[in-house]
N, C-alpha and C. Protein backbone atom coordinates (compact mmCIF):
# COMPACT_ATOMS: atom_id res chain seq x y z
N UNK A 1 -23.54 37.27 0.84
CA UNK A 1 -23.12 38.05 -0.23
C UNK A 1 -22.07 37.30 -1.11
N UNK A 2 -22.39 37.10 -2.38
CA UNK A 2 -21.52 36.38 -3.30
C UNK A 2 -20.20 37.19 -3.67
N UNK A 3 -19.15 36.48 -3.77
CA UNK A 3 -17.90 37.13 -4.17
C UNK A 3 -17.86 37.25 -5.67
N UNK A 4 -17.39 38.34 -6.14
CA UNK A 4 -17.31 38.59 -7.49
C UNK A 4 -16.01 37.91 -8.02
N UNK A 5 -16.10 37.31 -9.26
CA UNK A 5 -14.90 36.67 -9.72
C UNK A 5 -13.86 37.71 -10.09
N UNK A 6 -12.59 37.24 -10.01
CA UNK A 6 -11.53 38.15 -10.24
C UNK A 6 -11.51 38.44 -11.73
N UNK A 7 -11.33 39.76 -12.12
CA UNK A 7 -11.28 40.06 -13.58
C UNK A 7 -9.95 39.61 -14.21
N UNK A 8 -10.03 39.02 -15.37
CA UNK A 8 -8.89 38.53 -16.08
C UNK A 8 -8.62 39.53 -17.28
N UNK A 9 -7.40 40.00 -17.35
CA UNK A 9 -7.05 40.84 -18.42
C UNK A 9 -6.93 40.22 -19.91
N UNK A 10 -6.80 40.99 -20.82
CA UNK A 10 -6.73 40.54 -22.22
C UNK A 10 -5.32 39.83 -22.41
N UNK A 11 -5.32 38.67 -22.97
CA UNK A 11 -4.23 37.91 -23.18
C UNK A 11 -3.93 36.89 -22.06
N UNK A 12 -4.70 36.92 -21.13
CA UNK A 12 -4.39 35.96 -20.01
C UNK A 12 -5.28 34.75 -20.17
N UNK A 13 -4.67 33.58 -20.06
CA UNK A 13 -5.45 32.18 -20.34
C UNK A 13 -6.23 31.70 -19.14
N UNK A 14 -6.16 32.41 -17.95
CA UNK A 14 -7.03 32.04 -16.79
C UNK A 14 -6.27 30.84 -15.99
N UNK A 15 -5.13 30.53 -16.35
CA UNK A 15 -4.37 29.55 -15.64
C UNK A 15 -3.91 30.05 -14.32
N UNK A 16 -3.18 29.10 -13.56
CA UNK A 16 -2.65 29.44 -12.27
C UNK A 16 -1.48 30.40 -12.43
N UNK A 17 -1.20 31.21 -11.40
CA UNK A 17 -0.04 32.12 -11.51
C UNK A 17 1.24 31.27 -11.66
N UNK A 18 2.16 31.91 -12.42
CA UNK A 18 3.41 31.19 -12.66
C UNK A 18 4.37 31.16 -11.43
N UNK A 19 4.23 32.19 -10.66
CA UNK A 19 5.15 32.10 -9.43
C UNK A 19 4.70 31.35 -8.22
N UNK A 20 3.61 30.48 -8.49
CA UNK A 20 3.04 29.70 -7.36
C UNK A 20 4.07 28.73 -6.84
N UNK A 21 4.72 27.99 -7.72
CA UNK A 21 5.77 27.07 -7.41
C UNK A 21 6.91 27.16 -8.31
N UNK A 22 8.06 27.61 -7.77
CA UNK A 22 9.25 27.75 -8.72
C UNK A 22 9.76 26.40 -9.30
N UNK A 23 10.18 26.48 -10.42
CA UNK A 23 10.77 25.28 -11.16
C UNK A 23 12.12 25.07 -10.53
N UNK A 24 12.52 23.91 -10.17
CA UNK A 24 13.80 23.51 -9.70
C UNK A 24 14.30 22.48 -10.61
N UNK A 25 15.43 22.70 -11.36
CA UNK A 25 16.08 21.73 -12.33
C UNK A 25 16.53 20.51 -11.45
N UNK A 26 16.79 19.53 -12.20
CA UNK A 26 17.35 18.17 -11.54
C UNK A 26 18.61 18.44 -10.84
N UNK A 27 19.44 19.43 -11.27
CA UNK A 27 20.71 19.58 -10.60
C UNK A 27 20.74 20.51 -9.33
N UNK A 28 19.45 21.04 -9.01
CA UNK A 28 19.16 21.75 -7.88
C UNK A 28 19.34 23.25 -8.20
N UNK A 29 19.38 24.08 -7.17
CA UNK A 29 19.25 25.56 -7.34
C UNK A 29 20.64 26.16 -7.75
N UNK A 30 21.71 25.46 -7.40
CA UNK A 30 23.09 25.96 -7.78
C UNK A 30 23.34 25.82 -9.29
N UNK A 31 24.58 26.06 -9.54
CA UNK A 31 25.00 25.91 -10.93
C UNK A 31 24.95 24.55 -11.45
N UNK A 32 25.12 24.41 -12.76
CA UNK A 32 25.00 23.06 -13.31
C UNK A 32 26.18 22.20 -13.11
N UNK A 33 27.40 22.87 -13.08
CA UNK A 33 28.56 22.13 -12.66
C UNK A 33 28.80 20.90 -13.59
N UNK A 34 28.95 19.82 -12.90
CA UNK A 34 29.34 18.56 -13.71
C UNK A 34 28.23 17.65 -13.56
N UNK A 35 26.99 18.10 -13.41
CA UNK A 35 25.69 17.29 -13.35
C UNK A 35 25.61 16.28 -14.45
N UNK A 36 25.85 16.57 -15.68
CA UNK A 36 25.62 15.72 -16.73
C UNK A 36 26.83 14.62 -16.78
N UNK A 37 27.91 14.98 -16.39
CA UNK A 37 29.16 14.04 -16.33
C UNK A 37 28.76 13.01 -15.27
N UNK A 38 28.29 13.43 -14.17
CA UNK A 38 27.94 12.53 -13.15
C UNK A 38 26.78 11.58 -13.47
N UNK A 39 25.76 12.12 -14.22
CA UNK A 39 24.64 11.45 -14.64
C UNK A 39 25.16 10.22 -15.57
N UNK A 40 25.95 10.60 -16.52
CA UNK A 40 26.53 9.62 -17.53
C UNK A 40 27.29 8.55 -16.82
N UNK A 41 28.16 9.10 -15.85
CA UNK A 41 29.06 8.01 -15.06
C UNK A 41 28.15 7.05 -14.27
N UNK A 42 27.12 7.57 -13.65
CA UNK A 42 26.17 6.83 -12.79
C UNK A 42 25.53 5.76 -13.66
N UNK A 43 25.11 6.15 -14.82
CA UNK A 43 24.43 5.14 -15.81
C UNK A 43 25.39 4.10 -16.25
N UNK A 44 26.64 4.54 -16.55
CA UNK A 44 27.58 3.45 -16.93
C UNK A 44 28.06 2.53 -15.88
N UNK A 45 28.12 3.00 -14.62
CA UNK A 45 28.40 2.18 -13.57
C UNK A 45 27.48 1.08 -13.30
N UNK A 46 26.17 1.47 -13.36
CA UNK A 46 25.18 0.39 -13.13
C UNK A 46 24.90 -0.48 -14.43
N UNK A 47 25.49 -0.27 -15.47
CA UNK A 47 25.36 -1.12 -16.66
C UNK A 47 26.43 -2.19 -16.58
N UNK A 48 25.98 -3.44 -16.38
CA UNK A 48 27.03 -4.52 -16.29
C UNK A 48 27.80 -4.74 -17.65
N UNK A 49 29.01 -5.25 -17.53
CA UNK A 49 29.78 -5.44 -18.71
C UNK A 49 29.20 -6.44 -19.71
N UNK A 50 28.38 -7.43 -19.18
CA UNK A 50 27.70 -8.43 -20.04
C UNK A 50 26.58 -8.91 -19.28
N UNK A 51 25.78 -9.67 -20.05
CA UNK A 51 24.60 -10.33 -19.56
C UNK A 51 24.97 -11.47 -18.51
N UNK A 52 26.07 -12.11 -18.81
CA UNK A 52 26.71 -13.16 -17.88
C UNK A 52 26.98 -12.59 -16.49
N UNK A 53 27.59 -11.35 -16.45
CA UNK A 53 27.86 -10.73 -15.23
C UNK A 53 26.61 -10.38 -14.41
N UNK A 54 25.59 -9.85 -15.26
CA UNK A 54 24.28 -9.53 -14.56
C UNK A 54 23.63 -10.76 -13.98
N UNK A 55 23.60 -11.72 -14.73
CA UNK A 55 22.91 -12.99 -14.18
C UNK A 55 23.71 -13.70 -13.07
N UNK A 56 25.07 -13.53 -13.06
CA UNK A 56 25.90 -14.04 -11.96
C UNK A 56 25.60 -13.22 -10.66
N UNK A 57 25.69 -11.89 -10.87
CA UNK A 57 25.42 -11.06 -9.64
C UNK A 57 24.08 -11.27 -9.16
N UNK A 58 23.04 -11.40 -10.01
CA UNK A 58 21.65 -11.68 -9.61
C UNK A 58 21.62 -12.93 -8.74
N UNK A 59 22.29 -14.01 -9.13
CA UNK A 59 22.07 -15.29 -8.47
C UNK A 59 22.84 -15.21 -7.27
N UNK A 60 23.99 -14.51 -7.15
CA UNK A 60 24.74 -14.48 -5.87
C UNK A 60 23.91 -13.56 -4.94
N UNK A 61 23.24 -12.54 -5.41
CA UNK A 61 22.54 -11.70 -4.52
C UNK A 61 21.29 -12.41 -3.84
N UNK A 62 20.64 -13.18 -4.75
CA UNK A 62 19.51 -13.95 -4.24
C UNK A 62 19.94 -15.03 -3.24
N UNK A 63 21.04 -15.72 -3.46
CA UNK A 63 21.57 -16.67 -2.51
C UNK A 63 21.86 -15.99 -1.22
N UNK A 64 22.25 -14.65 -1.12
CA UNK A 64 22.54 -14.03 0.16
C UNK A 64 21.28 -13.34 0.71
N UNK A 65 20.21 -13.42 -0.12
CA UNK A 65 19.01 -12.67 0.40
C UNK A 65 18.95 -11.20 0.15
N UNK A 66 19.69 -10.72 -0.88
CA UNK A 66 19.88 -9.35 -1.16
C UNK A 66 19.23 -9.03 -2.52
N UNK A 67 19.00 -7.86 -2.76
CA UNK A 67 18.61 -7.40 -4.24
C UNK A 67 19.84 -7.24 -5.06
N UNK A 68 19.68 -7.33 -6.34
CA UNK A 68 20.71 -7.06 -7.31
C UNK A 68 21.43 -5.68 -6.99
N UNK A 69 20.55 -4.61 -6.80
CA UNK A 69 20.95 -3.23 -6.49
C UNK A 69 21.87 -3.26 -5.28
N UNK A 70 21.48 -3.93 -4.17
CA UNK A 70 22.15 -4.04 -2.96
C UNK A 70 23.55 -4.66 -3.10
N UNK A 71 23.52 -5.78 -3.83
CA UNK A 71 24.87 -6.53 -3.98
C UNK A 71 25.74 -5.74 -4.80
N UNK A 72 25.14 -5.18 -5.96
CA UNK A 72 26.13 -4.43 -6.94
C UNK A 72 26.60 -3.14 -6.22
N UNK A 73 25.86 -2.47 -5.42
CA UNK A 73 26.27 -1.26 -4.69
C UNK A 73 27.48 -1.61 -3.75
N UNK A 74 27.51 -2.67 -3.19
CA UNK A 74 28.75 -3.09 -2.38
C UNK A 74 29.89 -3.27 -3.30
N UNK A 75 29.83 -3.73 -4.40
CA UNK A 75 30.95 -3.88 -5.37
C UNK A 75 31.35 -2.48 -5.78
N UNK A 76 30.30 -1.68 -6.23
CA UNK A 76 30.77 -0.37 -6.68
C UNK A 76 31.29 0.56 -5.64
N UNK A 77 30.73 0.63 -4.41
CA UNK A 77 31.17 1.49 -3.44
C UNK A 77 32.42 0.99 -2.68
N UNK A 78 32.46 -0.29 -2.37
CA UNK A 78 33.54 -0.81 -1.48
C UNK A 78 34.54 -1.77 -2.18
N UNK A 79 34.08 -2.27 -3.33
CA UNK A 79 35.01 -3.17 -4.05
C UNK A 79 34.91 -4.55 -3.36
N UNK A 80 33.76 -4.77 -2.60
CA UNK A 80 33.63 -5.95 -1.89
C UNK A 80 32.69 -7.03 -2.53
N UNK A 81 33.09 -8.10 -2.84
CA UNK A 81 32.16 -9.16 -3.33
C UNK A 81 31.58 -10.02 -2.14
N UNK A 82 30.43 -9.73 -1.83
CA UNK A 82 29.94 -10.31 -0.47
C UNK A 82 29.85 -11.87 -0.56
N UNK A 83 30.16 -12.46 0.50
CA UNK A 83 30.05 -13.89 0.63
C UNK A 83 29.14 -14.24 1.80
N UNK A 84 28.84 -15.53 2.08
CA UNK A 84 28.04 -15.89 3.21
C UNK A 84 28.70 -15.55 4.48
N UNK A 85 30.06 -15.59 4.45
CA UNK A 85 30.81 -15.26 5.72
C UNK A 85 30.62 -13.74 6.19
N UNK A 86 30.13 -12.93 5.27
CA UNK A 86 29.96 -11.49 5.60
C UNK A 86 28.59 -11.29 6.15
N UNK A 87 28.22 -12.14 7.13
CA UNK A 87 26.84 -12.06 7.68
C UNK A 87 26.46 -10.72 8.44
N UNK A 88 27.49 -10.11 9.03
CA UNK A 88 27.22 -8.82 9.70
C UNK A 88 26.88 -7.68 8.67
N UNK A 89 27.64 -7.62 7.63
CA UNK A 89 27.47 -6.59 6.58
C UNK A 89 26.08 -6.91 5.94
N UNK A 90 25.78 -8.12 5.58
CA UNK A 90 24.55 -8.51 4.93
C UNK A 90 23.34 -8.07 5.92
N UNK A 91 23.51 -8.36 7.15
CA UNK A 91 22.39 -8.14 8.10
C UNK A 91 22.20 -6.45 8.16
N UNK A 92 23.23 -5.80 8.08
CA UNK A 92 23.21 -4.32 8.11
C UNK A 92 22.42 -3.83 6.88
N UNK A 93 22.79 -4.36 5.75
CA UNK A 93 22.11 -3.91 4.48
C UNK A 93 20.64 -4.25 4.53
N UNK A 94 20.35 -5.44 5.00
CA UNK A 94 18.95 -5.77 5.15
C UNK A 94 18.19 -4.83 6.20
N UNK A 95 18.86 -4.54 7.23
CA UNK A 95 18.21 -3.68 8.36
C UNK A 95 17.87 -2.22 7.61
N UNK A 96 18.68 -1.74 6.75
CA UNK A 96 18.51 -0.45 6.10
C UNK A 96 17.31 -0.51 5.09
N UNK A 97 17.04 -1.62 4.61
CA UNK A 97 16.07 -1.83 3.58
C UNK A 97 14.60 -1.80 4.07
N UNK A 98 14.43 -1.99 5.38
CA UNK A 98 13.07 -2.14 5.96
C UNK A 98 12.27 -0.81 5.75
N UNK A 99 11.11 -1.09 5.15
CA UNK A 99 10.26 0.10 4.73
C UNK A 99 10.27 0.35 3.34
N UNK A 100 11.34 -0.20 2.61
CA UNK A 100 11.48 0.08 1.15
C UNK A 100 11.04 -1.09 0.46
N UNK A 101 10.32 -0.88 -0.60
CA UNK A 101 9.76 -2.08 -1.44
C UNK A 101 10.92 -2.72 -2.12
N UNK A 102 10.93 -3.99 -2.37
CA UNK A 102 11.83 -4.85 -3.06
C UNK A 102 11.64 -4.67 -4.47
N UNK A 103 12.76 -4.44 -5.12
CA UNK A 103 12.74 -4.25 -6.60
C UNK A 103 13.48 -5.42 -7.26
N UNK A 104 12.88 -5.80 -8.35
CA UNK A 104 13.49 -6.84 -9.14
C UNK A 104 13.90 -6.26 -10.52
N UNK A 105 14.80 -7.05 -11.19
CA UNK A 105 15.23 -6.48 -12.48
C UNK A 105 14.18 -7.03 -13.59
């Protein structure tokens, strides 16, 4: 026995129901709070002061076997400019990276 199609009322476009998957804004379900201030600060923090600084960090990161993001994150989070002597820290960073694809600038 064939199923009869569901009747669609006047003015309905036949699309999926709106309540199927609720929209969640980028700041989550709570209030907007300081979302846009944090977003702007995050963007500014990752923008180097100059091209020379970017190229310098990239070269240092490659020499240590890290990505630009990993090297810069240590500077931004801890204020540490990693050196070859920081082998334990570098090894820990590399261990966290397993399974994630390597990104280049």
